[in-house]
C-alpha atoms as a PDB file:
ATOM      1  CA  MET A   1       2.284 -20.462   1.297  1.00  0.00           C
ATOM      2  CA  THR A   2      -0.562 -19.396   3.518  1.00  0.00           C
ATOM      3  CA  ASP A   3      -0.578 -16.680   6.213  1.00  0.00           C
ATOM      4  CA  TYR A   4       2.588 -14.975   4.944  1.00  0.00           C
ATOM      5  CA  LEU A   5       1.647 -11.798   6.746  1.00  0.00           C
ATOM      6  CA  SER A   6      -0.391 -12.421   9.839  1.00  0.00           C
ATOM      7  CA  LEU A   7      -1.774 -10.070  12.445  1.00  0.00           C
ATOM      8  CA  GLN A   8      -3.190 -11.576  15.577  1.00  0.00           C
ATOM      9  CA  ASN A   9      -5.282  -9.461  17.937  1.00  0.00           C
ATOM     10  CA  ILE A  10      -3.065  -6.433  17.684  1.00  0.00           C
ATOM     11  CA  SER A  11      -3.900  -2.990  19.314  1.00  0.00           C
ATOM     12  CA  CYS A  12      -1.831   0.176  18.813  1.00  0.00           C
ATOM     13  CA  GLY A  13      -2.554   3.907  18.679  1.00  0.00           C
ATOM     14  CA  TYR A  14      -1.978   7.204  20.356  1.00  0.00           C
ATOM     15  CA  GLY A  15      -2.468   7.022  24.190  1.00  0.00           C
ATOM     16  CA  THR A  16      -6.009   7.667  25.197  1.00  0.00           C
ATOM     17  CA  MET A  17      -6.878   9.566  22.016  1.00  0.00           C
ATOM     18  CA  PHE A  18      -7.287   6.715  19.365  1.00  0.00           C
ATOM     19  CA  ASN A  19      -6.436   3.089  19.387  1.00  0.00           C
ATOM     20  CA  LEU A  20      -6.974   0.114  17.201  1.00  0.00           C
ATOM     21  CA  LYS A  21      -8.891  -2.697  18.798  1.00  0.00           C
ATOM     22  CA  ASP A  22      -8.353  -6.499  18.304  1.00  0.00           C
ATOM     23  CA  ILE A  23      -7.099  -6.365  14.635  1.00  0.00           C
ATOM     24  CA  SER A  24      -6.654  -9.754  13.080  1.00  0.00           C
ATOM     25  CA  PHE A  25      -6.183 -10.864   9.437  1.00  0.00           C
ATOM     26  CA  SER A  26      -3.723 -12.850   7.402  1.00  0.00           C
ATOM     27  CA  LEU A  27      -2.522 -12.534   3.704  1.00  0.00           C
ATOM     28  CA  ASP A  28      -1.024 -15.167   1.459  1.00  0.00           C
ATOM     29  CA  LYS A  29       2.272 -14.576  -0.224  1.00  0.00           C
ATOM     30  CA  GLY A  30       1.734 -12.521  -3.470  1.00  0.00           C
ATOM     31  CA  VAL A  31      -1.649 -11.129  -2.574  1.00  0.00           C
ATOM     32  CA  PHE A  32      -2.561  -7.467  -3.297  1.00  0.00           C
ATOM     33  CA  ALA A  33      -4.661  -6.139  -0.492  1.00  0.00           C
ATOM     34  CA  GLY A  34      -6.147  -2.808   0.101  1.00  0.00           C
ATOM     35  CA  ILE A  35      -7.059  -1.002   3.318  1.00  0.00           C
ATOM     36  CA  ILE A  36     -10.199   1.222   2.901  1.00  0.00           C
ATOM     37  CA  GLY A  37     -12.420   3.125   5.099  1.00  0.00           C
ATOM     38  CA  PRO A  38     -13.635   6.670   5.961  1.00  0.00           C
ATOM     39  CA  ASN A  39     -11.254   9.376   7.303  1.00  0.00           C
ATOM     40  CA  GLY A  40     -10.500   8.700  10.863  1.00  0.00           C
ATOM     41  CA  SER A  41     -11.323   4.970  10.657  1.00  0.00           C
ATOM     42  CA  GLY A  42      -7.801   3.776  11.587  1.00  0.00           C
ATOM     43  CA  LYS A  43      -6.305   3.056   8.185  1.00  0.00           C
ATOM     44  CA  THR A  44      -3.110   4.996   8.840  1.00  0.00           C
ATOM     45  CA  THR A  45      -2.724   3.878  12.339  1.00  0.00           C
ATOM     46  CA  LEU A  46      -2.853   0.323  11.092  1.00  0.00           C
ATOM     47  CA  PHE A  47      -0.349   1.061   8.458  1.00  0.00           C
ATOM     48  CA  ARG A  48       1.983   2.669  10.950  1.00  0.00           C
ATOM     49  CA  GLY A  49       1.622  -0.346  13.393  1.00  0.00           C
ATOM     50  CA  ILE A  50       2.559  -2.826  10.700  1.00  0.00           C
ATOM     51  CA  SER A  51       5.487  -0.701   9.392  1.00  0.00           C
ATOM     52  CA  GLY A  52       6.849  -0.341  13.013  1.00  0.00           C
ATOM     53  CA  GLU A  53       6.347   3.387  13.201  1.00  0.00           C
ATOM     54  CA  LEU A  54       3.827   2.811  16.020  1.00  0.00           C
ATOM     55  CA  SER A  55       4.589   0.289  18.862  1.00  0.00           C
ATOM     56  CA  ILE A  56       2.252  -2.695  19.144  1.00  0.00           C
ATOM     57  CA  LYS A  57       0.576  -2.641  22.657  1.00  0.00           C
ATOM     58  CA  THR A  58      -0.896  -6.184  22.458  1.00  0.00           C
ATOM     59  CA  GLY A  59      -0.905  -8.984  19.852  1.00  0.00           C
ATOM     60  CA  SER A  60       1.593  -9.954  17.247  1.00  0.00           C
ATOM     61  CA  ILE A  61       2.584  -9.309  13.632  1.00  0.00           C
ATOM     62  CA  SER A  62       4.487 -11.949  11.769  1.00  0.00           C
ATOM     63  CA  LEU A  63       6.065 -12.175   8.267  1.00  0.00           C
ATOM     64  CA  ASN A  64       6.682 -15.564   7.006  1.00  0.00           C
ATOM     65  CA  LYS A  65       6.281 -16.771  10.681  1.00  0.00           C
ATOM     66  CA  ASN A  66       8.903 -14.250  11.999  1.00  0.00           C
ATOM     67  CA  ASP A  67       7.883 -11.858  14.550  1.00  0.00           C
ATOM     68  CA  LEU A  68       8.262  -8.253  13.044  1.00  0.00           C
ATOM     69  CA  LYS A  69       8.580  -6.824  16.465  1.00  0.00           C
ATOM     70  CA  THR A  70      11.838  -8.684  17.376  1.00  0.00           C
ATOM     71  CA  MET A  71      13.158  -8.829  13.764  1.00  0.00           C
ATOM     72  CA  PRO A  72      16.692  -6.959  13.604  1.00  0.00           C
ATOM     73  CA  PRO A  73      16.297  -3.610  11.770  1.00  0.00           C
ATOM     74  CA  LYS A  74      18.501  -4.673   8.951  1.00  0.00           C
ATOM     75  CA  GLU A  75      16.768  -7.878   8.313  1.00  0.00           C
ATOM     76  CA  LYS A  76      13.358  -6.005   8.551  1.00  0.00           C
ATOM     77  CA  ALA A  77      14.598  -3.480   5.944  1.00  0.00           C
ATOM     78  CA  CYS A  78      15.536  -6.321   3.621  1.00  0.00           C
ATOM     79  CA  ASN A  79      12.045  -7.914   3.996  1.00  0.00           C
ATOM     80  CA  LEU A  80       9.644  -4.890   4.160  1.00  0.00           C
ATOM     81  CA  ALA A  81       9.605  -1.683   2.052  1.00  0.00           C
ATOM     82  CA  ILE A  82       7.470   1.297   2.537  1.00  0.00           C
ATOM     83  CA  VAL A  83       6.250   3.890   0.026  1.00  0.00           C
ATOM     84  CA  THR A  84       4.661   6.889   1.602  1.00  0.00           C
ATOM     85  CA  GLN A  85       2.077   9.356   0.235  1.00  0.00           C
ATOM     86  CA  PHE A  86       4.610  12.147  -0.196  1.00  0.00           C
ATOM     87  CA  THR A  87       8.158  11.660  -1.686  1.00  0.00           C
ATOM     88  CA  ASP A  88      11.141  13.382  -0.113  1.00  0.00           C
ATOM     89  CA  THR A  89      12.174  15.564  -3.176  1.00  0.00           C
ATOM     90  CA  MET A  90      15.907  15.729  -2.068  1.00  0.00           C
ATOM     91  CA  ASP A  91      18.512  17.195  -4.347  1.00  0.00           C
ATOM     92  CA  ILE A  92      19.960  14.015  -5.776  1.00  0.00           C
ATOM     93  CA  THR A  93      19.541  12.252  -8.950  1.00  0.00           C
ATOM     94  CA  VAL A  94      16.824   9.531  -9.537  1.00  0.00           C
ATOM     95  CA  GLU A  95      19.544   6.955  -9.875  1.00  0.00           C
ATOM     96  CA  ASP A  96      21.143   7.841  -6.580  1.00  0.00           C
ATOM     97  CA  TYR A  97      17.692   7.886  -4.906  1.00  0.00           C
ATOM     98  CA  VAL A  98      16.772   4.471  -6.122  1.00  0.00           C
ATOM     99  CA  LEU A  99      20.238   3.073  -5.014  1.00  0.00           C
ATOM    100  CA  MET A 100      19.320   4.109  -1.518  1.00  0.00           C
ATOM    101  CA  GLY A 101      17.224   0.994  -1.424  1.00  0.00           C
ATOM    102  CA  ARG A 102      20.402  -1.058  -1.319  1.00  0.00           C
ATOM    103  CA  LEU A 103      21.586   0.468   1.925  1.00  0.00           C
ATOM    104  CA  PRO A 104      20.183  -2.361   4.046  1.00  0.00           C
ATOM    105  CA  TYR A 105      22.542  -4.834   2.218  1.00  0.00           C
ATOM    106  CA  ARG A 106      25.762  -2.877   2.942  1.00  0.00           C
ATOM    107  CA  ASN A 107      28.095  -3.847   5.620  1.00  0.00           C
ATOM    108  CA  LYS A 108      30.095  -1.315   7.727  1.00  0.00           C
ATOM    109  CA  TYR A 109      33.094  -1.599   5.609  1.00  0.00           C
ATOM    110  CA  ARG A 110      31.530  -0.901   2.199  1.00  0.00           C
ATOM    111  CA  PHE A 111      30.793   2.524   1.275  1.00  0.00           C
ATOM    112  CA  PHE A 112      30.151   2.275  -2.457  1.00  0.00           C
ATOM    113  CA  GLU A 113      27.577   0.524  -4.627  1.00  0.00           C
ATOM    114  CA  THR A 114      28.494  -2.840  -6.069  1.00  0.00           C
ATOM    115  CA  LYS A 115      27.923  -3.973  -9.663  1.00  0.00           C
ATOM    116  CA  GLU A 116      24.913  -5.977  -8.353  1.00  0.00           C
ATOM    117  CA  ASP A 117      23.377  -2.936  -6.626  1.00  0.00           C
ATOM    118  CA  ILE A 118      23.652  -0.966  -9.872  1.00  0.00           C
ATOM    119  CA  GLU A 119      22.200  -3.785 -11.890  1.00  0.00           C
ATOM    120  CA  LEU A 120      19.191  -4.137  -9.541  1.00  0.00           C
ATOM    121  CA  ALA A 121      18.635  -0.321  -9.556  1.00  0.00           C
ATOM    122  CA  ASN A 122      18.644  -0.358 -13.327  1.00  0.00           C
ATOM    123  CA  LYS A 123      16.323  -3.331 -13.379  1.00  0.00           C
ATOM    124  CA  TYR A 124      13.671  -1.684 -11.266  1.00  0.00           C
ATOM    125  CA  MET A 125      14.068   1.866 -12.826  1.00  0.00           C
ATOM    126  CA  LYS A 126      13.297   0.152 -16.151  1.00  0.00           C
ATOM    127  CA  LEU A 127      10.294  -1.724 -14.556  1.00  0.00           C
ATOM    128  CA  THR A 128       8.964   1.496 -13.175  1.00  0.00           C
ATOM    129  CA  ASP A 129       9.679   3.456 -16.391  1.00  0.00           C
ATOM    130  CA  VAL A 130      11.913   5.985 -14.779  1.00  0.00           C
ATOM    131  CA  PHE A 131      15.188   4.598 -16.223  1.00  0.00           C
ATOM    132  CA  LYS A 132      15.088   7.477 -18.875  1.00  0.00           C
ATOM    133  CA  LEU A 133      14.996   9.888 -15.869  1.00  0.00           C
ATOM    134  CA  LYS A 134      17.946   8.455 -14.020  1.00  0.00           C
ATOM    135  CA  HIS A 135      20.134  11.544 -14.333  1.00  0.00           C
ATOM    136  CA  LYS A 136      17.342  14.029 -13.490  1.00  0.00           C
ATOM    137  CA  HIS A 137      17.079  15.382  -9.936  1.00  0.00           C
ATOM    138  CA  MET A 138      14.135  14.134  -7.914  1.00  0.00           C
ATOM    139  CA  SER A 139      12.970  17.756  -7.424  1.00  0.00           C
ATOM    140  CA  GLN A 140      12.618  18.047 -11.284  1.00  0.00           C
ATOM    141  CA  LEU A 141      10.059  15.234 -11.501  1.00  0.00           C
ATOM    142  CA  SER A 142       6.328  15.395 -11.575  1.00  0.00           C
ATOM    143  CA  GLY A 143       4.277  13.934  -8.731  1.00  0.00           C
ATOM    144  CA  GLY A 144       3.613  10.733 -10.604  1.00  0.00           C
ATOM    145  CA  GLU A 145       7.141  10.298 -11.681  1.00  0.00           C
ATOM    146  CA  GLN A 146       8.384  10.841  -8.068  1.00  0.00           C
ATOM    147  CA  GLN A 147       5.976   8.108  -6.887  1.00  0.00           C
ATOM    148  CA  LEU A 148       7.245   5.640  -9.587  1.00  0.00           C
ATOM    149  CA  ALA A 149      10.834   6.505  -8.422  1.00  0.00           C
ATOM    150  CA  SER A 150       9.737   5.777  -4.901  1.00  0.00           C
ATOM    151  CA  ILE A 151       8.303   2.381  -5.819  1.00  0.00           C
ATOM    152  CA  ALA A 152      11.651   1.685  -7.805  1.00  0.00           C
ATOM    153  CA  LYS A 153      13.725   2.506  -4.630  1.00  0.00           C
ATOM    154  CA  ALA A 154      11.447   0.218  -2.619  1.00  0.00           C
ATOM    155  CA  LEU A 155      11.746  -2.539  -4.977  1.00  0.00           C
ATOM    156  CA  THR A 156      15.491  -2.158  -5.120  1.00  0.00           C
ATOM    157  CA  GLN A 157      15.318  -3.389  -1.468  1.00  0.00           C
ATOM    158  CA  GLU A 158      14.025  -6.594  -2.896  1.00  0.00           C
ATOM    159  CA  PRO A 159      11.276  -6.886  -0.202  1.00  0.00           C
ATOM    160  CA  ASN A 160       8.806  -9.650   0.340  1.00  0.00           C
ATOM    161  CA  LEU A 161       6.139  -7.223   1.839  1.00  0.00           C
ATOM    162  CA  LEU A 162       5.517  -3.843   0.128  1.00  0.00           C
ATOM    163  CA  LEU A 163       3.512  -1.235   2.200  1.00  0.00           C
ATOM    164  CA  LEU A 164       2.059   1.702   0.316  1.00  0.00           C
ATOM    165  CA  ASP A 165       0.177   4.714   1.810  1.00  0.00           C
ATOM    166  CA  GLU A 166      -2.226   6.139  -0.801  1.00  0.00           C
ATOM    167  CA  PRO A 167       0.296   6.078  -3.715  1.00  0.00           C
ATOM    168  CA  THR A 168      -2.253   7.308  -6.165  1.00  0.00           C
ATOM    169  CA  SER A 169      -3.597  10.286  -4.214  1.00  0.00           C
ATOM    170  CA  HIS A 170      -3.172  13.630  -5.950  1.00  0.00           C
ATOM    171  CA  LEU A 171      -2.279  12.033  -9.376  1.00  0.00           C
ATOM    172  CA  ASP A 172      -4.233  12.156 -12.479  1.00  0.00           C
ATOM    173  CA  ILE A 173      -5.861   9.094 -13.975  1.00  0.00           C
ATOM    174  CA  THR A 174      -3.121   8.189 -16.324  1.00  0.00           C
ATOM    175  CA  HIS A 175      -0.423   7.948 -13.464  1.00  0.00           C
ATOM    176  CA  GLN A 176      -3.052   6.223 -11.109  1.00  0.00           C
ATOM    177  CA  ILE A 177      -3.584   3.473 -13.589  1.00  0.00           C
ATOM    178  CA  GLN A 178       0.076   3.248 -14.384  1.00  0.00           C
ATOM    179  CA  ILE A 179       0.968   2.846 -10.681  1.00  0.00           C
ATOM    180  CA  LEU A 180      -1.713   0.368  -9.885  1.00  0.00           C
ATOM    181  CA  ASN A 181      -1.043  -1.766 -13.111  1.00  0.00           C
ATOM    182  CA  LEU A 182       2.601  -1.831 -11.950  1.00  0.00           C
ATOM    183  CA  ILE A 183       1.612  -2.832  -8.301  1.00  0.00           C
ATOM    184  CA  GLN A 184      -0.791  -5.482  -9.502  1.00  0.00           C
ATOM    185  CA  SER A 185       2.109  -7.088 -11.672  1.00  0.00           C
ATOM    186  CA  LEU A 186       4.483  -6.929  -8.816  1.00  0.00           C
ATOM    187  CA  SER A 187       2.137  -9.080  -6.642  1.00  0.00           C
ATOM    188  CA  SER A 188       1.090 -11.436  -9.414  1.00  0.00           C
ATOM    189  CA  ASP A 189       4.429 -11.791 -11.270  1.00  0.00           C
ATOM    190  CA  LEU A 190       7.117 -11.386  -8.596  1.00  0.00           C
ATOM    191  CA  GLY A 191       5.036 -12.831  -5.683  1.00  0.00           C
ATOM    192  CA  ILE A 192       5.530  -9.569  -3.596  1.00  0.00           C
ATOM    193  CA  THR A 193       2.684  -9.259  -0.705  1.00  0.00           C
ATOM    194  CA  VAL A 194       1.290  -5.889  -1.163  1.00  0.00           C
ATOM    195  CA  LEU A 195      -0.762  -3.828   1.473  1.00  0.00           C
ATOM    196  CA  MET A 196      -1.961  -0.411   0.336  1.00  0.00           C
ATOM    197  CA  ILE A 197      -4.048   2.284   1.791  1.00  0.00           C
ATOM    198  CA  ILE A 198      -6.330   3.608  -0.885  1.00  0.00           C
ATOM    199  CA  HIS A 199      -9.420   5.951  -0.779  1.00  0.00           C
ATOM    200  CA  ASP A 200     -10.846   5.418  -4.169  1.00  0.00           C
ATOM    201  CA  LEU A 201     -13.356   2.455  -3.755  1.00  0.00           C
ATOM    202  CA  ASN A 202     -13.584   1.819  -7.553  1.00  0.00           C
ATOM    203  CA  LEU A 203      -9.840   1.494  -7.942  1.00  0.00           C
ATOM    204  CA  ALA A 204      -9.643  -0.628  -4.850  1.00  0.00           C
ATOM    205  CA  GLY A 205     -12.344  -2.907  -6.153  1.00  0.00           C
ATOM    206  CA  GLU A 206     -10.724  -3.169  -9.676  1.00  0.00           C
ATOM    207  CA  TYR A 207      -7.173  -3.823  -8.540  1.00  0.00           C
ATOM    208  CA  CYS A 208      -6.994  -5.536  -5.090  1.00  0.00           C
ATOM    209  CA  ASP A 209      -7.446  -9.323  -4.430  1.00  0.00           C
ATOM    210  CA  ARG A 210      -8.527  -8.603  -0.874  1.00  0.00           C
ATOM    211  CA  LEU A 211      -9.978  -5.652   0.933  1.00  0.00           C
ATOM    212  CA  ILE A 212      -9.969  -4.783   4.693  1.00  0.00           C
ATOM    213  CA  MET A 213     -12.526  -2.060   5.545  1.00  0.00           C
ATOM    214  CA  MET A 214     -11.788  -0.132   8.648  1.00  0.00           C
ATOM    215  CA  ASN A 215     -14.331   1.706  10.803  1.00  0.00           C
ATOM    216  CA  ASN A 216     -13.935   3.218  14.280  1.00  0.00           C
ATOM    217  CA  GLY A 217     -10.660   1.611  14.936  1.00  0.00           C
ATOM    218  CA  GLN A 218     -11.751  -1.834  14.100  1.00  0.00           C
ATOM    219  CA  ILE A 219     -12.162  -4.073  10.965  1.00  0.00           C
ATOM    220  CA  HIS A 220     -15.683  -3.744   9.859  1.00  0.00           C
ATOM    221  CA  ILE A 221     -15.439  -6.352   7.140  1.00  0.00           C
ATOM    222  CA  LYS A 222     -12.722  -8.115   5.144  1.00  0.00           C
ATOM    223  CA  GLY A 223     -12.769 -10.351   2.036  1.00  0.00           C
ATOM    224  CA  ILE A 224     -12.685 -10.209  -1.765  1.00  0.00           C
ATOM    225  CA  PRO A 225     -14.013  -6.986  -3.329  1.00  0.00           C
ATOM    226  CA  GLU A 226     -17.427  -8.538  -4.182  1.00  0.00           C
ATOM    227  CA  GLU A 227     -17.940  -9.260  -0.572  1.00  0.00           C
ATOM    228  CA  VAL A 228     -16.835  -5.935   0.839  1.00  0.00           C
ATOM    229  CA  LEU A 229     -18.127  -3.370  -1.684  1.00  0.00           C
ATOM    230  CA  THR A 230     -21.742  -3.881  -1.514  1.00  0.00           C
ATOM    231  CA  TYR A 231     -24.107  -0.958  -1.265  1.00  0.00           C
ATOM    232  CA  ASN A 232     -25.397  -1.804   2.193  1.00  0.00           C
ATOM    233  CA  VAL A 233     -21.869  -2.143   3.580  1.00  0.00           C
ATOM    234  CA  ILE A 234     -20.731   1.222   2.033  1.00  0.00           C
ATOM    235  CA  GLU A 235     -23.836   3.103   3.174  1.00  0.00           C
ATOM    236  CA  ASP A 236     -23.516   1.730   6.679  1.00  0.00           C
ATOM    237  CA  VAL A 237     -19.775   2.590   6.960  1.00  0.00           C
ATOM    238  CA  TYR A 238     -19.504   5.782   4.847  1.00  0.00           C
ATOM    239  CA  LYS A 239     -23.131   7.101   5.683  1.00  0.00           C
ATOM    240  CA  THR A 240     -23.606   7.795   1.975  1.00  0.00           C
ATOM    241  CA  ILE A 241     -26.185   6.484  -0.456  1.00  0.00           C
ATOM    242  CA  VAL A 242     -24.508   4.698  -3.396  1.00  0.00           C
ATOM    243  CA  ILE A 243     -25.380   2.337  -6.268  1.00  0.00           C
ATOM    244  CA  THR A 244     -23.158  -0.700  -6.849  1.00  0.00           C
ATOM    245  CA  GLN A 245     -22.982  -2.633 -10.206  1.00  0.00           C
ATOM    246  CA  ILE A 246     -20.553  -5.113 -11.844  1.00  0.00           C
ATOM    247  CA  ASN A 247     -17.885  -4.044 -14.300  1.00  0.00           C
ATOM    248  CA  PRO A 248     -18.796  -6.113 -17.451  1.00  0.00           C
ATOM    249  CA  LEU A 249     -15.197  -6.898 -18.306  1.00  0.00           C
ATOM    250  CA  SER A 250     -13.469  -7.452 -15.008  1.00  0.00           C
ATOM    251  CA  LYS A 251     -16.629  -8.624 -13.063  1.00  0.00           C
ATOM    252  CA  LYS A 252     -15.516  -6.399 -10.188  1.00  0.00           C
ATOM    253  CA  PRO A 253     -17.805  -4.094  -8.311  1.00  0.00           C
ATOM    254  CA  VAL A 254     -18.196  -0.476  -9.294  1.00  0.00           C
ATOM    255  CA  ILE A 255     -19.739   2.186  -7.113  1.00  0.00           C
ATOM    256  CA  PHE A 256     -21.726   5.106  -8.282  1.00  0.00           C
ATOM    257  CA  PRO A 257     -22.360   8.126  -5.955  1.00  0.00           C
ATOM    258  CA  VAL A 258     -25.846   9.701  -5.954  1.00  0.00           C
ATOM    259  CA  SER A 259     -26.199  13.321  -5.578  1.00  0.00           C
ATOM    260  CA  GLU A 260     -28.655  14.966  -3.191  1.00  0.00           C
ATOM    261  CA  LYS A 261     -30.365  16.601  -6.142  1.00  0.00           C
ATOM    262  CA  THR A 262     -30.856  13.258  -7.814  1.00  0.00           C
ATOM    263  CA  LEU A 263     -32.208  11.771  -4.526  1.00  0.00           C
ATOM    264  CA  LYS A 264     -34.870  14.490  -4.245  1.00  0.00           C
ATOM    265  CA  LYS A 265     -35.794  14.181  -7.901  1.00  0.00           C
ATOM    266  CA  ASN A 266     -36.326  10.452  -7.560  1.00  0.00           C
ATOM    267  CA  ARG A 267     -37.485  10.546  -4.100  1.00  0.00           C
ATOM    268  CA  ILE A 268     -35.042   7.781  -3.011  1.00  0.00           C
END
């Protein structure tokens, strides 16, 4: 199915301070896409526009040909799940936190989890490797464990679209790879469309099927990593000299920074 998530000429933002301009792109079902770009380029504004946190001023966003703007909140919560950069470390167990993902499926006369709710929570806690932590409180977990629990909660919503805001920031490389391997398998194996803000260009290039590079409130370039992560595009947008090569195993682009000391030494 093509154009599962479709943005058509949208604009949104913060009054006269900062606004996105004429943003259009589409993603097929099961695609893992990354939003990249320098600080202040519009990544978070775009994320908030898609999630509904910011109102869309012009244009439209559709999911499976249904307008997200007019979609009832309960239906939207069953189709779209969000994982933010920082997890709310509320004083509840991991199991109870993950079960909160089933709230959109409750009717007003049902106050307790069903057998199906518990089975789904267990399924996704096992998938994210937090089942062994189910009786621990969220506040007792490490940052990486909290992120995995957040993803388990989002998956328990059984969404068709998963939005993630820098899920690997502030994590060590072990948890970064663990989380990105998991997200990659969610898109390829479960057919979930994933849109993720990510700063690390090497991780973005290695894991994402498509990349959307933002700059000054607009899409500078979009496409597969090999098309987006070229040295001339990166130097133009990030104003930084880099060297790009190809990972010999994955054939994905790898970016090498070049220090000022090295530049002077080699007179580049």
